[in-house]
PDB file of all heavy atoms in Angstrom:
ATOM      1  N   PRO A   1      18.178  11.194 -19.898  1.00  0.00           N
ATOM      2  CA  PRO A   1      17.548  11.703 -18.657  1.00  0.00           C
ATOM      3  C   PRO A   1      16.137  12.234 -18.904  1.00  0.00           C
ATOM      4  O   PRO A   1      15.815  12.705 -19.962  1.00  0.00           O
ATOM      5  CB  PRO A   1      18.450  12.880 -18.292  1.00  0.00           C
ATOM      6  CG  PRO A   1      19.651  12.769 -19.103  1.00  0.00           C
ATOM      7  CD  PRO A   1      19.322  11.953 -20.332  1.00  0.00           C
ATOM      8  N   GLY A   2      15.321  12.051 -17.939  1.00  0.00           N
ATOM      9  CA  GLY A   2      13.973  12.570 -18.093  1.00  0.00           C
ATOM     10  C   GLY A   2      13.027  11.689 -18.941  1.00  0.00           C
ATOM     11  O   GLY A   2      12.019  12.154 -19.379  1.00  0.00           O
ATOM     12  N   SER A   3      13.318  10.421 -19.076  1.00  0.00           N
ATOM     13  CA  SER A   3      12.488   9.506 -19.860  1.00  0.00           C
ATOM     14  C   SER A   3      11.450   8.871 -18.907  1.00  0.00           C
ATOM     15  O   SER A   3      11.728   8.148 -18.046  1.00  0.00           O
ATOM     16  CB  SER A   3      13.301   8.414 -20.484  1.00  0.00           C
ATOM     17  OG  SER A   3      12.490   7.387 -20.970  1.00  0.00           O
ATOM     18  N   PRO A   4      10.183   9.201 -19.126  1.00  0.00           N
ATOM     19  CA  PRO A   4       9.146   8.628 -18.320  1.00  0.00           C
ATOM     20  C   PRO A   4       9.042   7.102 -18.436  1.00  0.00           C
ATOM     21  O   PRO A   4       8.760   6.406 -17.471  1.00  0.00           O
ATOM     22  CB  PRO A   4       7.840   9.263 -18.726  1.00  0.00           C
ATOM     23  CG  PRO A   4       8.129   9.854 -20.113  1.00  0.00           C
ATOM     24  CD  PRO A   4       9.611  10.124 -20.189  1.00  0.00           C
ATOM     25  N   GLU A   5       9.424   6.593 -19.621  1.00  0.00           N
ATOM     26  CA  GLU A   5       9.382   5.193 -19.860  1.00  0.00           C
ATOM     27  C   GLU A   5      10.374   4.368 -18.932  1.00  0.00           C
ATOM     28  O   GLU A   5      10.086   3.339 -18.449  1.00  0.00           O
ATOM     29  CB  GLU A   5       9.645   4.819 -21.318  1.00  0.00           C
ATOM     30  CG  GLU A   5       8.560   5.275 -22.311  1.00  0.00           C
ATOM     31  CD  GLU A   5       8.693   6.722 -22.724  1.00  0.00           C
ATOM     32  OE1 GLU A   5       9.728   7.366 -22.349  1.00  0.00           O
ATOM     33  OE2 GLU A   5       7.822   7.240 -23.419  1.00  0.00           O
ATOM     34  N   ILE A   6      11.550   5.009 -18.758  1.00  0.00           N
ATOM     35  CA  ILE A   6      12.478   4.400 -17.959  1.00  0.00           C
ATOM     36  C   ILE A   6      12.103   4.383 -16.483  1.00  0.00           C
ATOM     37  O   ILE A   6      12.195   3.321 -15.802  1.00  0.00           O
ATOM     38  CB  ILE A   6      13.878   5.077 -18.119  1.00  0.00           C
ATOM     39  CG1 ILE A   6      14.375   4.889 -19.558  1.00  0.00           C
ATOM     40  CG2 ILE A   6      14.968   4.397 -17.187  1.00  0.00           C
ATOM     41  CD1 ILE A   6      15.618   5.770 -19.988  1.00  0.00           C
ATOM     42  N   TYR A   7      11.613   5.478 -16.033  1.00  0.00           N
ATOM     43  CA  TYR A   7      11.072   5.505 -14.605  1.00  0.00           C
ATOM     44  C   TYR A   7       9.912   4.485 -14.429  1.00  0.00           C
ATOM     45  O   TYR A   7       9.835   3.802 -13.411  1.00  0.00           O
ATOM     46  CB  TYR A   7      10.546   6.884 -14.211  1.00  0.00           C
ATOM     47  CG  TYR A   7      11.649   7.931 -14.039  1.00  0.00           C
ATOM     48  CD1 TYR A   7      11.763   9.044 -14.874  1.00  0.00           C
ATOM     49  CD2 TYR A   7      12.629   7.755 -13.043  1.00  0.00           C
ATOM     50  CE1 TYR A   7      12.792   9.908 -14.726  1.00  0.00           C
ATOM     51  CE2 TYR A   7      13.577   8.678 -12.864  1.00  0.00           C
ATOM     52  CZ  TYR A   7      13.735   9.781 -13.770  1.00  0.00           C
ATOM     53  OH  TYR A   7      14.724  10.703 -13.559  1.00  0.00           O
ATOM     54  N   CYS A   8       9.146   4.361 -15.468  1.00  0.00           N
ATOM     55  CA  CYS A   8       8.014   3.351 -15.424  1.00  0.00           C
ATOM     56  C   CYS A   8       8.555   1.912 -15.327  1.00  0.00           C
ATOM     57  O   CYS A   8       8.087   1.074 -14.575  1.00  0.00           O
ATOM     58  CB  CYS A   8       7.139   3.573 -16.600  1.00  0.00           C
ATOM     59  SG  CYS A   8       5.607   2.701 -16.463  1.00  0.00           S
ATOM     60  N   ASN A   9       9.608   1.675 -16.131  1.00  0.00           N
ATOM     61  CA  ASN A   9      10.227   0.373 -16.037  1.00  0.00           C
ATOM     62  C   ASN A   9      10.851   0.090 -14.719  1.00  0.00           C
ATOM     63  O   ASN A   9      10.792  -1.042 -14.172  1.00  0.00           O
ATOM     64  CB  ASN A   9      11.249   0.179 -17.186  1.00  0.00           C
ATOM     65  CG  ASN A   9      10.650  -0.136 -18.487  1.00  0.00           C
ATOM     66  OD1 ASN A   9       9.481  -0.337 -18.598  1.00  0.00           O
ATOM     67  ND2 ASN A   9      11.486  -0.195 -19.523  1.00  0.00           N
ATOM     68  N   ILE A  10      11.432   1.091 -14.100  1.00  0.00           N
ATOM     69  CA  ILE A  10      12.045   0.913 -12.755  1.00  0.00           C
ATOM     70  C   ILE A  10      10.872   0.606 -11.799  1.00  0.00           C
ATOM     71  O   ILE A  10      10.937  -0.305 -10.933  1.00  0.00           O
ATOM     72  CB  ILE A  10      12.766   2.183 -12.227  1.00  0.00           C
ATOM     73  CG1 ILE A  10      14.006   2.310 -13.158  1.00  0.00           C
ATOM     74  CG2 ILE A  10      13.097   2.100 -10.816  1.00  0.00           C
ATOM     75  CD1 ILE A  10      14.776   3.626 -12.973  1.00  0.00           C
ATOM     76  N   SER A  11       9.706   1.303 -11.890  1.00  0.00           N
ATOM     77  CA  SER A  11       8.607   1.041 -11.049  1.00  0.00           C
ATOM     78  C   SER A  11       8.059  -0.411 -11.215  1.00  0.00           C
ATOM     79  O   SER A  11       7.651  -1.033 -10.247  1.00  0.00           O
ATOM     80  CB  SER A  11       7.455   1.992 -11.291  1.00  0.00           C
ATOM     81  OG  SER A  11       6.739   1.797 -12.472  1.00  0.00           O
ATOM     82  N   ASN A  12       8.134  -0.933 -12.485  1.00  0.00           N
ATOM     83  CA  ASN A  12       7.771  -2.359 -12.663  1.00  0.00           C
ATOM     84  C   ASN A  12       8.613  -3.341 -11.861  1.00  0.00           C
ATOM     85  O   ASN A  12       8.104  -4.209 -11.189  1.00  0.00           O
ATOM     86  CB  ASN A  12       7.861  -2.724 -14.121  1.00  0.00           C
ATOM     87  CG  ASN A  12       6.763  -2.259 -14.947  1.00  0.00           C
ATOM     88  OD1 ASN A  12       5.611  -2.186 -14.558  1.00  0.00           O
ATOM     89  ND2 ASN A  12       7.006  -1.896 -16.276  1.00  0.00           N
ATOM     90  N   VAL A  13       9.936  -3.086 -11.880  1.00  0.00           N
ATOM     91  CA  VAL A  13      10.799  -3.971 -11.092  1.00  0.00           C
ATOM     92  C   VAL A  13      10.476  -3.866  -9.575  1.00  0.00           C
ATOM     93  O   VAL A  13      10.476  -4.852  -8.859  1.00  0.00           O
ATOM     94  CB  VAL A  13      12.266  -3.607 -11.336  1.00  0.00           C
ATOM     95  CG1 VAL A  13      13.207  -4.411 -10.481  1.00  0.00           C
ATOM     96  CG2 VAL A  13      12.615  -3.870 -12.827  1.00  0.00           C
ATOM     97  N   LEU A  14      10.246  -2.621  -9.144  1.00  0.00           N
ATOM     98  CA  LEU A  14       9.950  -2.401  -7.740  1.00  0.00           C
ATOM     99  C   LEU A  14       8.646  -3.086  -7.346  1.00  0.00           C
ATOM    100  O   LEU A  14       8.537  -3.672  -6.276  1.00  0.00           O
ATOM    101  CB  LEU A  14       9.956  -0.909  -7.375  1.00  0.00           C
ATOM    102  CG  LEU A  14      11.383  -0.252  -7.508  1.00  0.00           C
ATOM    103  CD1 LEU A  14      11.265   1.264  -7.568  1.00  0.00           C
ATOM    104  CD2 LEU A  14      12.397  -0.712  -6.523  1.00  0.00           C
ATOM    105  N   LEU A  15       7.656  -2.961  -8.218  1.00  0.00           N
ATOM    106  CA  LEU A  15       6.387  -3.667  -7.948  1.00  0.00           C
ATOM    107  C   LEU A  15       6.576  -5.155  -7.945  1.00  0.00           C
ATOM    108  O   LEU A  15       6.007  -5.878  -7.053  1.00  0.00           O
ATOM    109  CB  LEU A  15       5.363  -3.328  -9.095  1.00  0.00           C
ATOM    110  CG  LEU A  15       4.731  -1.917  -8.970  1.00  0.00           C
ATOM    111  CD1 LEU A  15       3.921  -1.681 -10.273  1.00  0.00           C
ATOM    112  CD2 LEU A  15       3.844  -1.804  -7.780  1.00  0.00           C
ATOM    113  N   ASP A  16       7.407  -5.646  -8.776  1.00  0.00           N
ATOM    114  CA  ASP A  16       7.733  -7.129  -8.786  1.00  0.00           C
ATOM    115  C   ASP A  16       8.291  -7.573  -7.473  1.00  0.00           C
ATOM    116  O   ASP A  16       8.096  -8.731  -7.068  1.00  0.00           O
ATOM    117  CB  ASP A  16       8.730  -7.488  -9.909  1.00  0.00           C
ATOM    118  CG  ASP A  16       8.205  -7.340 -11.293  1.00  0.00           C
ATOM    119  OD1 ASP A  16       6.975  -7.307 -11.480  1.00  0.00           O
ATOM    120  OD2 ASP A  16       9.072  -7.293 -12.223  1.00  0.00           O
ATOM    121  N   GLN A  17       9.015  -6.663  -6.759  1.00  0.00           N
ATOM    122  CA  GLN A  17       9.602  -6.995  -5.529  1.00  0.00           C
ATOM    123  C   GLN A  17       8.789  -6.516  -4.339  1.00  0.00           C
ATOM    124  O   GLN A  17       9.242  -6.489  -3.180  1.00  0.00           O
ATOM    125  CB  GLN A  17      10.977  -6.403  -5.431  1.00  0.00           C
ATOM    126  CG  GLN A  17      11.895  -6.874  -6.578  1.00  0.00           C
ATOM    127  CD  GLN A  17      13.201  -6.205  -6.514  1.00  0.00           C
ATOM    128  OE1 GLN A  17      14.126  -6.610  -5.789  1.00  0.00           O
ATOM    129  NE2 GLN A  17      13.348  -5.059  -7.243  1.00  0.00           N
ATOM    130  N   SER A  18       7.564  -6.021  -4.579  1.00  0.00           N
ATOM    131  CA  SER A  18       6.656  -5.530  -3.492  1.00  0.00           C
ATOM    132  C   SER A  18       7.239  -4.363  -2.740  1.00  0.00           C
ATOM    133  O   SER A  18       7.031  -4.141  -1.559  1.00  0.00           O
ATOM    134  CB  SER A  18       6.212  -6.651  -2.489  1.00  0.00           C
ATOM    135  OG  SER A  18       5.507  -7.635  -3.243  1.00  0.00           O
ATOM    136  N   GLN A  19       8.043  -3.554  -3.472  1.00  0.00           N
ATOM    137  CA  GLN A  19       8.607  -2.347  -2.899  1.00  0.00           C
ATOM    138  C   GLN A  19       7.658  -1.202  -3.314  1.00  0.00           C
ATOM    139  O   GLN A  19       7.999  -0.307  -4.160  1.00  0.00           O
ATOM    140  CB  GLN A  19      10.031  -2.080  -3.361  1.00  0.00           C
ATOM    141  CG  GLN A  19      11.017  -3.152  -2.872  1.00  0.00           C
ATOM    142  CD  GLN A  19      12.418  -2.961  -3.389  1.00  0.00           C
ATOM    143  OE1 GLN A  19      12.756  -1.845  -3.731  1.00  0.00           O
ATOM    144  NE2 GLN A  19      13.185  -4.060  -3.395  1.00  0.00           N
ATOM    145  N   ILE A  20       6.514  -1.178  -2.618  1.00  0.00           N
ATOM    146  CA  ILE A  20       5.418  -0.304  -3.160  1.00  0.00           C
ATOM    147  C   ILE A  20       5.739   1.164  -3.029  1.00  0.00           C
ATOM    148  O   ILE A  20       5.532   1.910  -3.977  1.00  0.00           O
ATOM    149  CB  ILE A  20       4.103  -0.690  -2.422  1.00  0.00           C
ATOM    150  CG1 ILE A  20       3.783  -2.184  -2.605  1.00  0.00           C
ATOM    151  CG2 ILE A  20       2.951   0.137  -2.891  1.00  0.00           C
ATOM    152  CD1 ILE A  20       3.682  -2.665  -3.955  1.00  0.00           C
ATOM    153  N   PRO A  21       6.159   1.676  -1.876  1.00  0.00           N
ATOM    154  CA  PRO A  21       6.416   3.146  -1.776  1.00  0.00           C
ATOM    155  C   PRO A  21       7.493   3.579  -2.795  1.00  0.00           C
ATOM    156  O   PRO A  21       7.339   4.668  -3.458  1.00  0.00           O
ATOM    157  CB  PRO A  21       6.931   3.341  -0.391  1.00  0.00           C
ATOM    158  CG  PRO A  21       6.403   2.226   0.408  1.00  0.00           C
ATOM    159  CD  PRO A  21       6.399   0.985  -0.562  1.00  0.00           C
ATOM    160  N   GLU A  22       8.482   2.745  -3.014  1.00  0.00           N
ATOM    161  CA  GLU A  22       9.523   3.056  -3.945  1.00  0.00           C
ATOM    162  C   GLU A  22       8.952   3.048  -5.402  1.00  0.00           C
ATOM    163  O   GLU A  22       9.255   3.975  -6.211  1.00  0.00           O
ATOM    164  CB  GLU A  22      10.662   2.118  -3.872  1.00  0.00           C
ATOM    165  CG  GLU A  22      11.459   2.128  -2.552  1.00  0.00           C
ATOM    166  CD  GLU A  22      10.808   1.322  -1.444  1.00  0.00           C
ATOM    167  OE1 GLU A  22       9.696   0.769  -1.665  1.00  0.00           O
ATOM    168  OE2 GLU A  22      11.505   1.193  -0.394  1.00  0.00           O
ATOM    169  N   ALA A  23       8.092   2.146  -5.725  1.00  0.00           N
ATOM    170  CA  ALA A  23       7.412   2.101  -7.038  1.00  0.00           C
ATOM    171  C   ALA A  23       6.585   3.300  -7.225  1.00  0.00           C
ATOM    172  O   ALA A  23       6.568   3.928  -8.393  1.00  0.00           O
ATOM    173  CB  ALA A  23       6.556   0.807  -7.171  1.00  0.00           C
ATOM    174  N   ILE A  24       5.854   3.720  -6.216  1.00  0.00           N
ATOM    175  CA  ILE A  24       5.053   4.963  -6.363  1.00  0.00           C
ATOM    176  C   ILE A  24       5.917   6.155  -6.662  1.00  0.00           C
ATOM    177  O   ILE A  24       5.584   6.986  -7.528  1.00  0.00           O
ATOM    178  CB  ILE A  24       4.192   5.135  -5.053  1.00  0.00           C
ATOM    179  CG1 ILE A  24       3.087   4.053  -4.998  1.00  0.00           C
ATOM    180  CG2 ILE A  24       3.581   6.588  -5.050  1.00  0.00           C
ATOM    181  CD1 ILE A  24       2.322   4.081  -3.713  1.00  0.00           C
ATOM    182  N   ARG A  25       7.065   6.277  -5.987  1.00  0.00           N
ATOM    183  CA  ARG A  25       7.940   7.407  -6.257  1.00  0.00           C
ATOM    184  C   ARG A  25       8.468   7.470  -7.675  1.00  0.00           C
ATOM    185  O   ARG A  25       8.503   8.481  -8.381  1.00  0.00           O
ATOM    186  CB  ARG A  25       9.161   7.382  -5.270  1.00  0.00           C
ATOM    187  CG  ARG A  25       8.843   7.988  -3.931  1.00  0.00           C
ATOM    188  CD  ARG A  25      10.046   8.265  -3.100  1.00  0.00           C
ATOM    189  NE  ARG A  25      10.808   7.086  -2.755  1.00  0.00           N
ATOM    190  CZ  ARG A  25      10.482   6.314  -1.683  1.00  0.00           C
ATOM    191  NH1 ARG A  25       9.488   6.644  -0.947  1.00  0.00           N
ATOM    192  NH2 ARG A  25      11.218   5.253  -1.376  1.00  0.00           N
ATOM    193  N   GLU A  26       8.695   6.222  -8.244  1.00  0.00           N
ATOM    194  CA  GLU A  26       9.142   6.175  -9.646  1.00  0.00           C
ATOM    195  C   GLU A  26       8.035   6.603 -10.570  1.00  0.00           C
ATOM    196  O   GLU A  26       8.245   7.236 -11.644  1.00  0.00           O
ATOM    197  CB  GLU A  26       9.726   4.786 -10.051  1.00  0.00           C
ATOM    198  CG  GLU A  26      10.947   4.421  -9.236  1.00  0.00           C
ATOM    199  CD  GLU A  26      12.143   5.359  -9.414  1.00  0.00           C
ATOM    200  OE1 GLU A  26      12.383   5.745 -10.559  1.00  0.00           O
ATOM    201  OE2 GLU A  26      12.806   5.756  -8.395  1.00  0.00           O
ATOM    202  N   CYS A  27       6.791   6.142 -10.293  1.00  0.00           N
ATOM    203  CA  CYS A  27       5.620   6.563 -11.073  1.00  0.00           C
ATOM    204  C   CYS A  27       5.459   8.051 -11.017  1.00  0.00           C
ATOM    205  O   CYS A  27       5.137   8.725 -12.033  1.00  0.00           O
ATOM    206  CB  CYS A  27       4.390   5.862 -10.537  1.00  0.00           C
ATOM    207  SG  CYS A  27       4.338   4.077 -10.930  1.00  0.00           S
ATOM    208  N   GLU A  28       5.659   8.635  -9.826  1.00  0.00           N
ATOM    209  CA  GLU A  28       5.506  10.126  -9.710  1.00  0.00           C
ATOM    210  C   GLU A  28       6.506  10.786 -10.551  1.00  0.00           C
ATOM    211  O   GLU A  28       6.235  11.834 -11.144  1.00  0.00           O
ATOM    212  CB  GLU A  28       5.636  10.474  -8.219  1.00  0.00           C
ATOM    213  CG  GLU A  28       4.427  10.041  -7.440  1.00  0.00           C
ATOM    214  CD  GLU A  28       4.575  10.216  -5.913  1.00  0.00           C
ATOM    215  OE1 GLU A  28       5.756  10.272  -5.409  1.00  0.00           O
ATOM    216  OE2 GLU A  28       3.574  10.162  -5.175  1.00  0.00           O
ATOM    217  N   LYS A  29       7.783  10.244 -10.644  1.00  0.00           N
ATOM    218  CA  LYS A  29       8.774  10.871 -11.517  1.00  0.00           C
ATOM    219  C   LYS A  29       8.358  10.827 -12.950  1.00  0.00           C
ATOM    220  O   LYS A  29       8.481  11.817 -13.686  1.00  0.00           O
ATOM    221  CB  LYS A  29      10.163  10.144 -11.322  1.00  0.00           C
ATOM    222  CG  LYS A  29      10.811  10.364  -9.931  1.00  0.00           C
ATOM    223  CD  LYS A  29      12.023   9.531  -9.875  1.00  0.00           C
ATOM    224  CE  LYS A  29      12.667   9.533  -8.496  1.00  0.00           C
ATOM    225  NZ  LYS A  29      13.845   8.575  -8.376  1.00  0.00           N
ATOM    226  N   ALA A  30       7.835   9.695 -13.372  1.00  0.00           N
ATOM    227  CA  ALA A  30       7.410   9.567 -14.793  1.00  0.00           C
ATOM    228  C   ALA A  30       6.245  10.503 -15.003  1.00  0.00           C
ATOM    229  O   ALA A  30       6.249  11.192 -16.140  1.00  0.00           O
ATOM    230  CB  ALA A  30       6.960   8.116 -14.974  1.00  0.00           C
ATOM    231  N   LEU A  31       5.292  10.648 -14.179  1.00  0.00           N
ATOM    232  CA  LEU A  31       4.108  11.502 -14.355  1.00  0.00           C
ATOM    233  C   LEU A  31       4.505  12.976 -14.243  1.00  0.00           C
ATOM    234  O   LEU A  31       3.771  13.795 -14.868  1.00  0.00           O
ATOM    235  CB  LEU A  31       2.997  11.091 -13.414  1.00  0.00           C
ATOM    236  CG  LEU A  31       2.442   9.746 -13.630  1.00  0.00           C
ATOM    237  CD1 LEU A  31       1.465   9.310 -12.492  1.00  0.00           C
ATOM    238  CD2 LEU A  31       1.704   9.664 -14.990  1.00  0.00           C
ATOM    239  N   ALA A  32       5.553  13.296 -13.506  1.00  0.00           N
ATOM    240  CA  ALA A  32       5.960  14.696 -13.442  1.00  0.00           C
ATOM    241  C   ALA A  32       6.494  15.152 -14.827  1.00  0.00           C
ATOM    242  O   ALA A  32       6.375  16.311 -15.219  1.00  0.00           O
ATOM    243  CB  ALA A  32       7.055  14.859 -12.395  1.00  0.00           C
ATOM    244  N   ILE A  33       7.008  14.136 -15.566  1.00  0.00           N
ATOM    245  CA  ILE A  33       7.560  14.459 -16.941  1.00  0.00           C
ATOM    246  C   ILE A  33       6.441  14.456 -17.958  1.00  0.00           C
ATOM    247  O   ILE A  33       6.364  15.241 -18.834  1.00  0.00           O
ATOM    248  CB  ILE A  33       8.638  13.458 -17.260  1.00  0.00           C
ATOM    249  CG1 ILE A  33       9.783  13.562 -16.339  1.00  0.00           C
ATOM    250  CG2 ILE A  33       9.134  13.595 -18.725  1.00  0.00           C
ATOM    251  CD1 ILE A  33      10.768  12.397 -16.289  1.00  0.00           C
ATOM    252  N   ASN A  34       5.588  13.482 -17.828  1.00  0.00           N
ATOM    253  CA  ASN A  34       4.405  13.323 -18.732  1.00  0.00           C
ATOM    254  C   ASN A  34       3.242  12.853 -17.989  1.00  0.00           C
ATOM    255  O   ASN A  34       3.026  11.744 -17.707  1.00  0.00           O
ATOM    256  CB  ASN A  34       4.774  12.274 -19.877  1.00  0.00           C
ATOM    257  CG  ASN A  34       3.591  12.066 -20.889  1.00  0.00           C
ATOM    258  OD1 ASN A  34       2.577  12.637 -20.711  1.00  0.00           O
ATOM    259  ND2 ASN A  34       3.858  11.241 -21.876  1.00  0.00           N
ATOM    260  N   SER A  35       2.345  13.854 -17.664  1.00  0.00           N
ATOM    261  CA  SER A  35       1.171  13.597 -16.839  1.00  0.00           C
ATOM    262  C   SER A  35       0.151  12.668 -17.512  1.00  0.00           C
ATOM    263  O   SER A  35      -0.739  12.158 -16.891  1.00  0.00           O
ATOM    264  CB  SER A  35       0.538  14.888 -16.362  1.00  0.00           C
ATOM    265  OG  SER A  35       0.017  15.563 -17.513  1.00  0.00           O
ATOM    266  N   GLU A  36       0.303  12.463 -18.798  1.00  0.00           N
ATOM    267  CA  GLU A  36      -0.647  11.638 -19.568  1.00  0.00           C
ATOM    268  C   GLU A  36      -0.025  10.242 -19.875  1.00  0.00           C
ATOM    269  O   GLU A  36      -0.681   9.531 -20.681  1.00  0.00           O
ATOM    270  CB  GLU A  36      -1.001  12.344 -20.904  1.00  0.00           C
ATOM    271  CG  GLU A  36      -1.695  13.634 -20.724  1.00  0.00           C
ATOM    272  CD  GLU A  36      -3.053  13.496 -20.008  1.00  0.00           C
ATOM    273  OE1 GLU A  36      -3.853  12.716 -20.481  1.00  0.00           O
ATOM    274  OE2 GLU A  36      -3.315  14.237 -19.043  1.00  0.00           O
ATOM    275  N   PHE A  37       0.975   9.913 -19.259  1.00  0.00           N
ATOM    276  CA  PHE A  37       1.615   8.585 -19.534  1.00  0.00           C
ATOM    277  C   PHE A  37       0.860   7.461 -18.822  1.00  0.00           C
ATOM    278  O   PHE A  37       0.979   7.285 -17.646  1.00  0.00           O
ATOM    279  CB  PHE A  37       3.109   8.660 -19.064  1.00  0.00           C
ATOM    280  CG  PHE A  37       3.904   7.450 -19.487  1.00  0.00           C
ATOM    281  CD1 PHE A  37       3.791   6.861 -20.694  1.00  0.00           C
ATOM    282  CD2 PHE A  37       4.862   6.915 -18.610  1.00  0.00           C
ATOM    283  CE1 PHE A  37       4.501   5.753 -21.068  1.00  0.00           C
ATOM    284  CE2 PHE A  37       5.642   5.817 -18.957  1.00  0.00           C
ATOM    285  CZ  PHE A  37       5.432   5.202 -20.264  1.00  0.00           C
ATOM    286  N   ALA A  38       0.044   6.828 -19.668  1.00  0.00           N
ATOM    287  CA  ALA A  38      -0.903   5.847 -19.097  1.00  0.00           C
ATOM    288  C   ALA A  38      -0.207   4.635 -18.371  1.00  0.00           C
ATOM    289  O   ALA A  38      -0.722   4.153 -17.413  1.00  0.00           O
ATOM    290  CB  ALA A  38      -1.790   5.297 -20.237  1.00  0.00           C
ATOM    291  N   ASP A  39       0.936   4.218 -18.900  1.00  0.00           N
ATOM    292  CA  ASP A  39       1.553   3.067 -18.264  1.00  0.00           C
ATOM    293  C   ASP A  39       2.010   3.424 -16.824  1.00  0.00           C
ATOM    294  O   ASP A  39       1.905   2.578 -15.960  1.00  0.00           O
ATOM    295  CB  ASP A  39       2.771   2.642 -19.067  1.00  0.00           C
ATOM    296  CG  ASP A  39       2.446   1.994 -20.388  1.00  0.00           C
ATOM    297  OD1 ASP A  39       1.218   1.899 -20.677  1.00  0.00           O
ATOM    298  OD2 ASP A  39       3.349   1.508 -21.045  1.00  0.00           O
ATOM    299  N   ALA A  40       2.461   4.683 -16.578  1.00  0.00           N
ATOM    300  CA  ALA A  40       2.779   5.069 -15.270  1.00  0.00           C
ATOM    301  C   ALA A  40       1.521   5.183 -14.344  1.00  0.00           C
ATOM    302  O   ALA A  40       1.613   4.800 -13.192  1.00  0.00           O
ATOM    303  CB  ALA A  40       3.547   6.412 -15.287  1.00  0.00           C
TER     304      ALA A  40
END
């Protein structure tokens, strides 16, 4: 739990499917855990 990398990977899948608002939410989760996570 709380892995920014996993949230970032979920955002990748959502971006692949053009689910933009959902992808943004996953990035926000990743950045809430690690605000310096460049991939997010």
